[in-house]
Amino acid sequence: MTSIRDMLGESLGIGERFHIEPRELDIDRSEGYLVASHPYDASPMDIAVVEGCDRLATPPEKQLPGEPITIEIVGKIVDGMVAGRVVDAE
Protein backbone atom coordinates (compact mmCIF):
# COMPACT_ATOMS: atom_id res chain seq x y z
CA MET A 1 0.00 0.00 0.00
CA THR A 2 1.28 3.48 -0.89
CA SER A 3 0.86 6.13 1.78
CA ILE A 4 0.33 9.86 1.35
CA ARG A 5 3.80 10.36 2.83
CA ASP A 6 5.33 8.10 0.13
CA MET A 7 3.47 9.92 -2.63
CA LEU A 8 4.54 13.33 -1.34
CA GLY A 9 8.13 12.15 -0.94
CA GLU A 10 8.15 10.96 -4.55
CA SER A 11 6.71 14.20 -5.93
CA LEU A 12 9.29 16.22 -3.96
CA GLY A 13 12.21 13.95 -4.88
CA ILE A 14 13.49 13.57 -1.32
CA GLY A 15 16.98 12.07 -1.39
CA GLU A 16 17.40 12.78 -5.11
CA ARG A 17 19.95 15.07 -6.70
CA PHE A 18 19.13 17.76 -9.23
CA HIS A 19 21.12 20.21 -11.32
CA ILE A 20 19.40 23.58 -10.76
CA GLU A 21 19.79 27.27 -11.51
CA PRO A 22 18.70 29.35 -8.51
CA ARG A 23 16.36 32.17 -9.53
CA GLU A 24 16.37 34.35 -6.43
CA LEU A 25 17.93 35.06 -3.06
CA ASP A 26 16.13 35.19 0.25
CA ILE A 27 18.28 37.22 2.58
CA ASP A 28 15.73 37.66 5.37
CA ARG A 29 17.58 34.94 7.28
CA SER A 30 20.99 35.72 8.75
CA GLU A 31 22.74 33.25 6.46
CA GLY A 32 20.52 33.71 3.41
CA TYR A 33 19.47 30.97 1.04
CA LEU A 34 18.80 30.34 -2.61
CA VAL A 35 15.39 29.63 -4.14
CA ALA A 36 14.88 27.53 -7.26
CA SER A 37 11.94 26.04 -9.11
CA HIS A 38 11.51 22.34 -8.51
CA PRO A 39 12.37 20.34 -11.66
CA TYR A 40 9.38 18.02 -11.11
CA ASP A 41 6.18 19.50 -12.51
CA ALA A 42 4.24 17.42 -9.96
CA SER A 43 6.05 19.03 -7.02
CA PRO A 44 3.82 21.36 -5.02
CA MET A 45 6.85 23.24 -3.65
CA ASP A 46 9.89 25.18 -4.80
CA ILE A 47 13.36 24.41 -3.42
CA ALA A 48 15.11 26.41 -0.68
CA VAL A 49 18.84 25.65 -0.80
CA VAL A 50 19.73 26.10 2.86
CA GLU A 51 22.66 23.76 3.47
CA GLY A 52 26.14 23.76 2.00
CA CYS A 53 25.93 27.27 0.56
CA ASP A 54 29.38 27.91 2.06
CA ARG A 55 30.71 25.63 -0.71
CA LEU A 56 29.69 28.18 -3.35
CA ALA A 57 32.24 30.64 -4.71
CA THR A 58 29.97 33.56 -3.81
CA PRO A 59 27.93 33.38 -0.59
CA PRO A 60 24.19 33.48 -1.31
CA GLU A 61 23.67 36.61 0.78
CA LYS A 62 25.85 38.48 -1.75
CA GLN A 63 24.48 37.33 -5.16
CA LEU A 64 23.19 34.39 -7.17
CA PRO A 65 25.79 31.88 -8.36
CA GLY A 66 26.73 32.39 -12.01
CA GLU A 67 26.65 28.67 -12.75
CA PRO A 68 24.11 25.88 -12.12
CA ILE A 69 24.62 23.90 -8.92
CA THR A 70 23.88 20.32 -7.94
CA ILE A 71 21.71 19.89 -4.88
CA GLU A 72 20.17 17.03 -2.95
CA ILE A 73 16.64 17.32 -1.57
CA VAL A 74 16.55 16.74 2.18
CA GLY A 75 13.48 15.73 4.17
CA LYS A 76 12.49 19.04 5.74
CA ILE A 77 10.44 22.11 4.87
CA VAL A 78 11.73 25.70 5.13
CA ASP A 79 9.42 28.68 4.63
CA GLY A 80 6.94 26.52 2.70
CA MET A 81 9.60 25.08 0.39
CA VAL A 82 11.36 21.74 0.37
CA ALA A 83 14.95 22.11 1.62
CA GLY A 84 18.01 21.24 -0.40
CA ARG A 85 21.73 21.10 0.22
CA VAL A 86 24.59 21.85 -2.15
CA VAL A 87 26.52 18.75 -3.15
CA ASP A 88 28.43 20.13 -6.13
CA ALA A 89 28.98 23.78 -6.95
CA GLU A 90 30.49 23.24 -10.41
PDB file of N, CA and C in Angstrom:
ATOM      1  N   MET A   1       0.841  -1.170   0.000  1.00  0.00           N
ATOM      2  CA  MET A   1       0.000   0.000   0.000  1.00  0.00           C
ATOM      3  C   MET A   1       0.896   1.246   0.000  1.00  0.00           C
ATOM      4  N   THR A   2       0.535   2.225  -0.812  1.00  0.00           N
ATOM      5  CA  THR A   2       1.279   3.477  -0.888  1.00  0.00           C
ATOM      6  C   THR A   2       0.614   4.505   0.019  1.00  0.00           C
ATOM      7  N   SER A   3       1.407   5.129   0.863  1.00  0.00           N
ATOM      8  CA  SER A   3       0.859   6.129   1.782  1.00  0.00           C
ATOM      9  C   SER A   3       0.969   7.525   1.174  1.00  0.00           C
ATOM     10  N   ILE A   4       0.247   8.451   1.759  1.00  0.00           N
ATOM     11  CA  ILE A   4       0.332   9.855   1.346  1.00  0.00           C
ATOM     12  C   ILE A   4       1.763  10.349   1.501  1.00  0.00           C
ATOM     13  N   ARG A   5       2.414   9.952   2.583  1.00  0.00           N
ATOM     14  CA  ARG A   5       3.799  10.364   2.826  1.00  0.00           C
ATOM     15  C   ARG A   5       4.716   9.881   1.695  1.00  0.00           C
ATOM     16  N   ASP A   6       4.527   8.625   1.236  1.00  0.00           N
ATOM     17  CA  ASP A   6       5.330   8.100   0.134  1.00  0.00           C
ATOM     18  C   ASP A   6       5.081   8.885  -1.147  1.00  0.00           C
ATOM     19  N   MET A   7       3.805   9.179  -1.417  1.00  0.00           N
ATOM     20  CA  MET A   7       3.473   9.920  -2.635  1.00  0.00           C
ATOM     21  C   MET A   7       4.054  11.325  -2.604  1.00  0.00           C
ATOM     22  N   LEU A   8       3.981  11.991  -1.463  1.00  0.00           N
ATOM     23  CA  LEU A   8       4.539  13.333  -1.339  1.00  0.00           C
ATOM     24  C   LEU A   8       6.058  13.287  -1.476  1.00  0.00           C
ATOM     25  N   GLY A   9       6.686  12.300  -0.839  1.00  0.00           N
ATOM     26  CA  GLY A   9       8.135  12.154  -0.941  1.00  0.00           C
ATOM     27  C   GLY A   9       8.587  11.944  -2.375  1.00  0.00           C
ATOM     28  N   GLU A  10       7.820  11.187  -3.137  1.00  0.00           N
ATOM     29  CA  GLU A  10       8.147  10.958  -4.547  1.00  0.00           C
ATOM     30  C   GLU A  10       7.989  12.230  -5.364  1.00  0.00           C
ATOM     31  N   SER A  11       6.929  12.987  -5.141  1.00  0.00           N
ATOM     32  CA  SER A  11       6.712  14.204  -5.925  1.00  0.00           C
ATOM     33  C   SER A  11       7.734  15.284  -5.577  1.00  0.00           C
ATOM     34  N   LEU A  12       8.275  15.248  -4.357  1.00  0.00           N
ATOM     35  CA  LEU A  12       9.293  16.218  -3.955  1.00  0.00           C
ATOM     36  C   LEU A  12      10.699  15.763  -4.302  1.00  0.00           C
ATOM     37  N   GLY A  13      10.885  14.469  -4.541  1.00  0.00           N
ATOM     38  CA  GLY A  13      12.210  13.952  -4.883  1.00  0.00           C
ATOM     39  C   GLY A  13      13.148  13.890  -3.695  1.00  0.00           C
ATOM     40  N   ILE A  14      12.638  13.609  -2.518  1.00  0.00           N
ATOM     41  CA  ILE A  14      13.486  13.568  -1.317  1.00  0.00           C
ATOM     42  C   ILE A  14      14.583  12.520  -1.494  1.00  0.00           C
ATOM     43  N   GLY A  15      15.818  12.935  -1.243  1.00  0.00           N
ATOM     44  CA  GLY A  15      16.977  12.073  -1.394  1.00  0.00           C
ATOM     45  C   GLY A  15      17.562  12.083  -2.792  1.00  0.00           C
ATOM     46  N   GLU A  16      16.901  12.730  -3.731  1.00  0.00           N
ATOM     47  CA  GLU A  16      17.396  12.784  -5.109  1.00  0.00           C
ATOM     48  C   GLU A  16      18.249  14.021  -5.322  1.00  0.00           C
ATOM     49  N   ARG A  17      19.090  13.943  -6.345  1.00  0.00           N
ATOM     50  CA  ARG A  17      19.955  15.071  -6.704  1.00  0.00           C
ATOM     51  C   ARG A  17      19.462  15.690  -8.002  1.00  0.00           C
ATOM     52  N   PHE A  18      19.560  17.014  -8.052  1.00  0.00           N
ATOM     53  CA  PHE A  18      19.131  17.757  -9.229  1.00  0.00           C
ATOM     54  C   PHE A  18      20.151  18.827  -9.550  1.00  0.00           C
ATOM     55  N   HIS A  19      20.284  19.132 -10.826  1.00  0.00           N
ATOM     56  CA  HIS A  19      21.124  20.210 -11.317  1.00  0.00           C
ATOM     57  C   HIS A  19      20.184  21.400 -11.520  1.00  0.00           C
ATOM     58  N   ILE A  20      20.345  22.458 -10.728  1.00  0.00           N
ATOM     59  CA  ILE A  20      19.404  23.576 -10.760  1.00  0.00           C
ATOM     60  C   ILE A  20      20.110  24.911 -10.979  1.00  0.00           C
ATOM     61  N   GLU A  21      19.324  25.888 -11.416  1.00  0.00           N
ATOM     62  CA  GLU A  21      19.789  27.265 -11.507  1.00  0.00           C
ATOM     63  C   GLU A  21      18.929  28.108 -10.567  1.00  0.00           C
ATOM     64  N   PRO A  22      19.485  28.527  -9.442  1.00  0.00           N
ATOM     65  CA  PRO A  22      18.701  29.349  -8.510  1.00  0.00           C
ATOM     66  C   PRO A  22      18.203  30.615  -9.194  1.00  0.00           C
ATOM     67  N   ARG A  23      16.976  31.014  -8.874  1.00  0.00           N
ATOM     68  CA  ARG A  23      16.361  32.167  -9.526  1.00  0.00           C
ATOM     69  C   ARG A  23      16.270  33.394  -8.634  1.00  0.00           C
ATOM     70  N   GLU A  24      16.439  33.198  -7.319  1.00  0.00           N
ATOM     71  CA  GLU A  24      16.368  34.345  -6.427  1.00  0.00           C
ATOM     72  C   GLU A  24      17.072  34.052  -5.109  1.00  0.00           C
ATOM     73  N   LEU A  25      17.333  35.134  -4.393  1.00  0.00           N
ATOM     74  CA  LEU A  25      17.929  35.062  -3.060  1.00  0.00           C
ATOM     75  C   LEU A  25      16.863  35.392  -2.036  1.00  0.00           C
ATOM     76  N   ASP A  26      16.947  34.780  -0.888  1.00  0.00           N
ATOM     77  CA  ASP A  26      16.127  35.190   0.249  1.00  0.00           C
ATOM     78  C   ASP A  26      17.103  35.523   1.353  1.00  0.00           C
ATOM     79  N   ILE A  27      17.270  36.789   1.600  1.00  0.00           N
ATOM     80  CA  ILE A  27      18.276  37.218   2.577  1.00  0.00           C
ATOM     81  C   ILE A  27      17.650  37.669   3.888  1.00  0.00           C
ATOM     82  N   ASP A  28      16.378  37.313   4.100  1.00  0.00           N
ATOM     83  CA  ASP A  28      15.732  37.661   5.366  1.00  0.00           C
ATOM     84  C   ASP A  28      16.347  36.891   6.529  1.00  0.00           C
ATOM     85  N   ARG A  29      16.903  35.718   6.236  1.00  0.00           N
ATOM     86  CA  ARG A  29      17.575  34.943   7.282  1.00  0.00           C
ATOM     87  C   ARG A  29      19.009  35.428   7.394  1.00  0.00           C
ATOM     88  N   SER A  30      19.626  35.216   8.537  1.00  0.00           N
ATOM     89  CA  SER A  30      20.989  35.722   8.750  1.00  0.00           C
ATOM     90  C   SER A  30      21.994  35.129   7.769  1.00  0.00           C
ATOM     91  N   GLU A  31      21.794  33.879   7.377  1.00  0.00           N
ATOM     92  CA  GLU A  31      22.740  33.248   6.462  1.00  0.00           C
ATOM     93  C   GLU A  31      22.294  33.342   5.010  1.00  0.00           C
ATOM     94  N   GLY A  32      21.026  33.637   4.771  1.00  0.00           N
ATOM     95  CA  GLY A  32      20.520  33.708   3.414  1.00  0.00           C
ATOM     96  C   GLY A  32      20.411  32.326   2.792  1.00  0.00           C
ATOM     97  N   TYR A  33      19.566  32.216   1.779  1.00  0.00           N
ATOM     98  CA  TYR A  33      19.473  30.967   1.040  1.00  0.00           C
ATOM     99  C   TYR A  33      18.992  31.235  -0.365  1.00  0.00           C
ATOM    100  N   LEU A  34      19.171  30.249  -1.212  1.00  0.00           N
ATOM    101  CA  LEU A  34      18.796  30.341  -2.615  1.00  0.00           C
ATOM    102  C   LEU A  34      17.442  29.685  -2.832  1.00  0.00           C
ATOM    103  N   VAL A  35      16.683  30.199  -3.788  1.00  0.00           N
ATOM    104  CA  VAL A  35      15.387  29.633  -4.140  1.00  0.00           C
ATOM    105  C   VAL A  35      15.432  29.224  -5.606  1.00  0.00           C
ATOM    106  N   ALA A  36      14.925  28.028  -5.881  1.00  0.00           N
ATOM    107  CA  ALA A  36      14.880  27.527  -7.261  1.00  0.00           C
ATOM    108  C   ALA A  36      13.552  26.824  -7.498  1.00  0.00           C
ATOM    109  N   SER A  37      13.122  26.815  -8.744  1.00  0.00           N
ATOM    110  CA  SER A  37      11.937  26.043  -9.109  1.00  0.00           C
ATOM    111  C   SER A  37      12.273  24.569  -9.015  1.00  0.00           C
ATOM    112  N   HIS A  38      11.307  23.778  -8.581  1.00  0.00           N
ATOM    113  CA  HIS A  38      11.514  22.335  -8.510  1.00  0.00           C
ATOM    114  C   HIS A  38      11.455  21.776  -9.924  1.00  0.00           C
ATOM    115  N   PRO A  39      12.384  20.886 -10.304  1.00  0.00           N
ATOM    116  CA  PRO A  39      12.374  20.336 -11.661  1.00  0.00           C
ATOM    117  C   PRO A  39      11.199  19.396 -11.946  1.00  0.00           C
ATOM    118  N   TYR A  40      10.549  18.883 -10.920  1.00  0.00           N
ATOM    119  CA  TYR A  40       9.383  18.016 -11.113  1.00  0.00           C
ATOM    120  C   TYR A  40       8.127  18.877 -11.242  1.00  0.00           C
ATOM    121  N   ASP A  41       7.424  18.757 -12.338  1.00  0.00           N
ATOM    122  CA  ASP A  41       6.175  19.495 -12.511  1.00  0.00           C
ATOM    123  C   ASP A  41       5.157  19.128 -11.441  1.00  0.00           C
ATOM    124  N   ALA A  42       5.194  17.888 -10.957  1.00  0.00           N
ATOM    125  CA  ALA A  42       4.236  17.422  -9.955  1.00  0.00           C
ATOM    126  C   ALA A  42       4.541  17.933  -8.548  1.00  0.00           C
ATOM    127  N   SER A  43       5.691  18.555  -8.360  1.00  0.00           N
ATOM    128  CA  SER A  43       6.045  19.033  -7.021  1.00  0.00           C
ATOM    129  C   SER A  43       5.203  20.245  -6.638  1.00  0.00           C
ATOM    130  N   PRO A  44       4.611  20.213  -5.457  1.00  0.00           N
ATOM    131  CA  PRO A  44       3.822  21.359  -5.016  1.00  0.00           C
ATOM    132  C   PRO A  44       4.669  22.477  -4.403  1.00  0.00           C
ATOM    133  N   MET A  45       5.988  22.278  -4.331  1.00  0.00           N
ATOM    134  CA  MET A  45       6.854  23.243  -3.653  1.00  0.00           C
ATOM    135  C   MET A  45       8.078  23.584  -4.491  1.00  0.00           C
ATOM    136  N   ASP A  46       8.590  24.792  -4.265  1.00  0.00           N
ATOM    137  CA  ASP A  46       9.886  25.176  -4.802  1.00  0.00           C
ATOM    138  C   ASP A  46      10.961  24.623  -3.877  1.00  0.00           C
ATOM    139  N   ILE A  47      12.224  24.892  -4.210  1.00  0.00           N
ATOM    140  CA  ILE A  47      13.357  24.409  -3.423  1.00  0.00           C
ATOM    141  C   ILE A  47      14.039  25.590  -2.734  1.00  0.00           C
ATOM    142  N   ALA A  48      14.305  25.451  -1.445  1.00  0.00           N
ATOM    143  CA  ALA A  48      15.109  26.412  -0.685  1.00  0.00           C
ATOM    144  C   ALA A  48      16.444  25.737  -0.395  1.00  0.00           C
ATOM    145  N   VAL A  49      17.506  26.229  -1.015  1.00  0.00           N
ATOM    146  CA  VAL A  49      18.837  25.650  -0.804  1.00  0.00           C
ATOM    147  C   VAL A  49      19.410  26.300   0.447  1.00  0.00           C
ATOM    148  N   VAL A  50      19.377  25.538   1.548  1.00  0.00           N
ATOM    149  CA  VAL A  50      19.729  26.099   2.858  1.00  0.00           C
ATOM    150  C   VAL A  50      20.988  25.493   3.470  1.00  0.00           C
ATOM    151  N   GLU A  51      21.471  24.403   2.913  1.00  0.00           N
ATOM    152  CA  GLU A  51      22.659  23.757   3.475  1.00  0.00           C
ATOM    153  C   GLU A  51      23.765  23.711   2.424  1.00  0.00           C
ATOM    154  N   GLY A  52      24.986  23.880   2.876  1.00  0.00           N
ATOM    155  CA  GLY A  52      26.144  23.757   1.998  1.00  0.00           C
ATOM    156  C   GLY A  52      26.411  24.967   1.130  1.00  0.00           C
ATOM    157  N   CYS A  53      25.715  26.078   1.374  1.00  0.00           N
ATOM    158  CA  CYS A  53      25.930  27.272   0.563  1.00  0.00           C
ATOM    159  C   CYS A  53      27.337  27.844   0.744  1.00  0.00           C
ATOM    160  N   ASP A  54      28.000  27.468   1.840  1.00  0.00           N
ATOM    161  CA  ASP A  54      29.379  27.911   2.058  1.00  0.00           C
ATOM    162  C   ASP A  54      30.328  27.292   1.038  1.00  0.00           C
ATOM    163  N   ARG A  55      29.888  26.260   0.312  1.00  0.00           N
ATOM    164  CA  ARG A  55      30.709  25.634  -0.714  1.00  0.00           C
ATOM    165  C   ARG A  55      30.692  26.414  -2.024  1.00  0.00           C
ATOM    166  N   LEU A  56      29.789  27.386  -2.136  1.00  0.00           N
ATOM    167  CA  LEU A  56      29.688  28.180  -3.353  1.00  0.00           C
ATOM    168  C   LEU A  56      30.766  29.244  -3.375  1.00  0.00           C
ATOM    169  N   ALA A  57      31.201  29.629  -4.571  1.00  0.00           N
ATOM    170  CA  ALA A  57      32.245  30.638  -4.706  1.00  0.00           C
ATOM    171  C   ALA A  57      31.793  31.986  -4.138  1.00  0.00           C
ATOM    172  N   THR A  58      30.520  32.319  -4.327  1.00  0.00           N
ATOM    173  CA  THR A  58      29.968  33.562  -3.807  1.00  0.00           C
ATOM    174  C   THR A  58      28.878  33.219  -2.804  1.00  0.00           C
ATOM    175  N   PRO A  59      28.977  33.693  -1.580  1.00  0.00           N
ATOM    176  CA  PRO A  59      27.934  33.383  -0.591  1.00  0.00           C
ATOM    177  C   PRO A  59      26.569  33.866  -1.071  1.00  0.00           C
ATOM    178  N   PRO A  60      25.500  33.114  -0.787  1.00  0.00           N
ATOM    179  CA  PRO A  60      24.194  33.478  -1.309  1.00  0.00           C
ATOM    180  C   PRO A  60      23.651  34.813  -0.798  1.00  0.00           C
ATOM    181  N   GLU A  61      24.168  35.319   0.327  1.00  0.00           N
ATOM    182  CA  GLU A  61      23.674  36.611   0.778  1.00  0.00           C
ATOM    183  C   GLU A  61      24.242  37.757  -0.052  1.00  0.00           C
ATOM    184  N   LYS A  62      25.233  37.463  -0.904  1.00  0.00           N
ATOM    185  CA  LYS A  62      25.845  38.481  -1.754  1.00  0.00           C
ATOM    186  C   LYS A  62      25.197  38.533  -3.146  1.00  0.00           C
ATOM    187  N   GLN A  63      25.071  37.376  -3.821  1.00  0.00           N
ATOM    188  CA  GLN A  63      24.483  37.332  -5.159  1.00  0.00           C
ATOM    189  C   GLN A  63      24.224  35.882  -5.572  1.00  0.00           C
ATOM    190  N   LEU A  64      23.468  35.732  -6.637  1.00  0.00           N
ATOM    191  CA  LEU A  64      23.186  34.395  -7.173  1.00  0.00           C
ATOM    192  C   LEU A  64      24.451  33.811  -7.778  1.00  0.00           C
ATOM    193  N   PRO A  65      24.636  32.485  -7.695  1.00  0.00           N
ATOM    194  CA  PRO A  65      25.790  31.880  -8.363  1.00  0.00           C
ATOM    195  C   PRO A  65      25.649  32.039  -9.876  1.00  0.00           C
ATOM    196  N   GLY A  66      26.758  32.212 -10.558  1.00  0.00           N
ATOM    197  CA  GLY A  66      26.735  32.392 -12.008  1.00  0.00           C
ATOM    198  C   GLY A  66      26.557  31.098 -12.774  1.00  0.00           C
ATOM    199  N   GLU A  67      26.734  29.983 -12.113  1.00  0.00           N
ATOM    200  CA  GLU A  67      26.650  28.666 -12.750  1.00  0.00           C
ATOM    201  C   GLU A  67      25.582  27.827 -12.063  1.00  0.00           C
ATOM    202  N   PRO A  68      25.027  26.831 -12.781  1.00  0.00           N
ATOM    203  CA  PRO A  68      24.107  25.881 -12.123  1.00  0.00           C
ATOM    204  C   PRO A  68      24.832  25.124 -11.008  1.00  0.00           C
ATOM    205  N   ILE A  69      24.062  24.669 -10.035  1.00  0.00           N
ATOM    206  CA  ILE A  69      24.618  23.902  -8.924  1.00  0.00           C
ATOM    207  C   ILE A  69      23.869  22.582  -8.796  1.00  0.00           C
ATOM    208  N   THR A  70      24.525  21.597  -8.200  1.00  0.00           N
ATOM    209  CA  THR A  70      23.885  20.318  -7.941  1.00  0.00           C
ATOM    210  C   THR A  70      23.496  20.278  -6.478  1.00  0.00           C
ATOM    211  N   ILE A  71      22.219  19.955  -6.245  1.00  0.00           N
ATOM    212  CA  ILE A  71      21.710  19.891  -4.878  1.00  0.00           C
ATOM    213  C   ILE A  71      21.056  18.541  -4.637  1.00  0.00           C
ATOM    214  N   GLU A  72      20.915  18.216  -3.368  1.00  0.00           N
ATOM    215  CA  GLU A  72      20.173  17.032  -2.948  1.00  0.00           C
ATOM    216  C   GLU A  72      19.007  17.504  -2.090  1.00  0.00           C
ATOM    217  N   ILE A  73      17.825  16.966  -2.353  1.00  0.00           N
ATOM    218  CA  ILE A  73      16.642  17.317  -1.573  1.00  0.00           C
ATOM    219  C   ILE A  73      16.693  16.579  -0.244  1.00  0.00           C
ATOM    220  N   VAL A  74      16.559  17.337   0.846  1.00  0.00           N
ATOM    221  CA  VAL A  74      16.548  16.744   2.184  1.00  0.00           C
ATOM    222  C   VAL A  74      15.110  16.740   2.705  1.00  0.00           C
ATOM    223  N   GLY A  75      14.848  15.940   3.690  1.00  0.00           N
ATOM    224  CA  GLY A  75      13.482  15.735   4.170  1.00  0.00           C
ATOM    225  C   GLY A  75      12.990  16.748   5.170  1.00  0.00           C
ATOM    226  N   LYS A  76      13.063  18.040   4.853  1.00  0.00           N
ATOM    227  CA  LYS A  76      12.489  19.042   5.742  1.00  0.00           C
ATOM    228  C   LYS A  76      11.933  20.191   4.903  1.00  0.00           C
ATOM    229  N   ILE A  77      11.090  20.988   5.535  1.00  0.00           N
ATOM    230  CA  ILE A  77      10.440  22.112   4.875  1.00  0.00           C
ATOM    231  C   ILE A  77      10.945  23.405   5.516  1.00  0.00           C
ATOM    232  N   VAL A  78      11.255  24.395   4.678  1.00  0.00           N
ATOM    233  CA  VAL A  78      11.735  25.702   5.132  1.00  0.00           C
ATOM    234  C   VAL A  78      10.900  26.772   4.429  1.00  0.00           C
ATOM    235  N   ASP A  79      10.224  27.586   5.186  1.00  0.00           N
ATOM    236  CA  ASP A  79       9.418  28.679   4.626  1.00  0.00           C
ATOM    237  C   ASP A  79       8.486  28.213   3.509  1.00  0.00           C
ATOM    238  N   GLY A  80       7.887  27.039   3.686  1.00  0.00           N
ATOM    239  CA  GLY A  80       6.937  26.525   2.703  1.00  0.00           C
ATOM    240  C   GLY A  80       7.569  25.914   1.462  1.00  0.00           C
ATOM    241  N   MET A  81       8.889  25.695   1.508  1.00  0.00           N
ATOM    242  CA  MET A  81       9.603  25.079   0.391  1.00  0.00           C
ATOM    243  C   MET A  81      10.342  23.849   0.901  1.00  0.00           C
ATOM    244  N   VAL A  82      10.582  22.905   0.004  1.00  0.00           N
ATOM    245  CA  VAL A  82      11.364  21.737   0.373  1.00  0.00           C
ATOM    246  C   VAL A  82      12.837  22.168   0.413  1.00  0.00           C
ATOM    247  N   ALA A  83      13.551  21.696   1.431  1.00  0.00           N
ATOM    248  CA  ALA A  83      14.946  22.113   1.621  1.00  0.00           C
ATOM    249  C   ALA A  83      15.896  21.270   0.774  1.00  0.00           C
ATOM    250  N   GLY A  84      16.970  21.916   0.348  1.00  0.00           N
ATOM    251  CA  GLY A  84      18.013  21.236  -0.397  1.00  0.00           C
ATOM    252  C   GLY A  84      19.369  21.615   0.157  1.00  0.00           C
ATOM    253  N   ARG A  85      20.359  20.786  -0.189  1.00  0.00           N
ATOM    254  CA  ARG A  85      21.732  21.097   0.222  1.00  0.00           C
ATOM    255  C   ARG A  85      22.633  20.993  -0.982  1.00  0.00           C
ATOM    256  N   VAL A  86      23.638  21.842  -1.040  1.00  0.00           N
ATOM    257  CA  VAL A  86      24.589  21.852  -2.147  1.00  0.00           C
ATOM    258  C   VAL A  86      25.478  20.618  -2.034  1.00  0.00           C
ATOM    259  N   VAL A  87      25.597  19.873  -3.127  1.00  0.00           N
ATOM    260  CA  VAL A  87      26.523  18.745  -3.147  1.00  0.00           C
ATOM    261  C   VAL A  87      27.634  18.948  -4.164  1.00  0.00           C
ATOM    262  N   ASP A  88      27.402  19.839  -5.131  1.00  0.00           N
ATOM    263  CA  ASP A  88      28.426  20.132  -6.132  1.00  0.00           C
ATOM    264  C   ASP A  88      28.169  21.536  -6.651  1.00  0.00           C
ATOM    265  N   ALA A  89      29.152  22.391  -6.532  1.00  0.00           N
ATOM    266  CA  ALA A  89      28.979  23.778  -6.947  1.00  0.00           C
ATOM    267  C   ALA A  89      29.509  24.035  -8.345  1.00  0.00           C
ATOM    268  N   GLU A  90      29.937  23.022  -9.074  1.00  0.00           N
ATOM    269  CA  GLU A  90      30.494  23.237 -10.408  1.00  0.00           C
ATOM    270  C   GLU A  90      29.500  22.895 -11.475  1.00  0.00           C
TER     271      GLU A  90
END
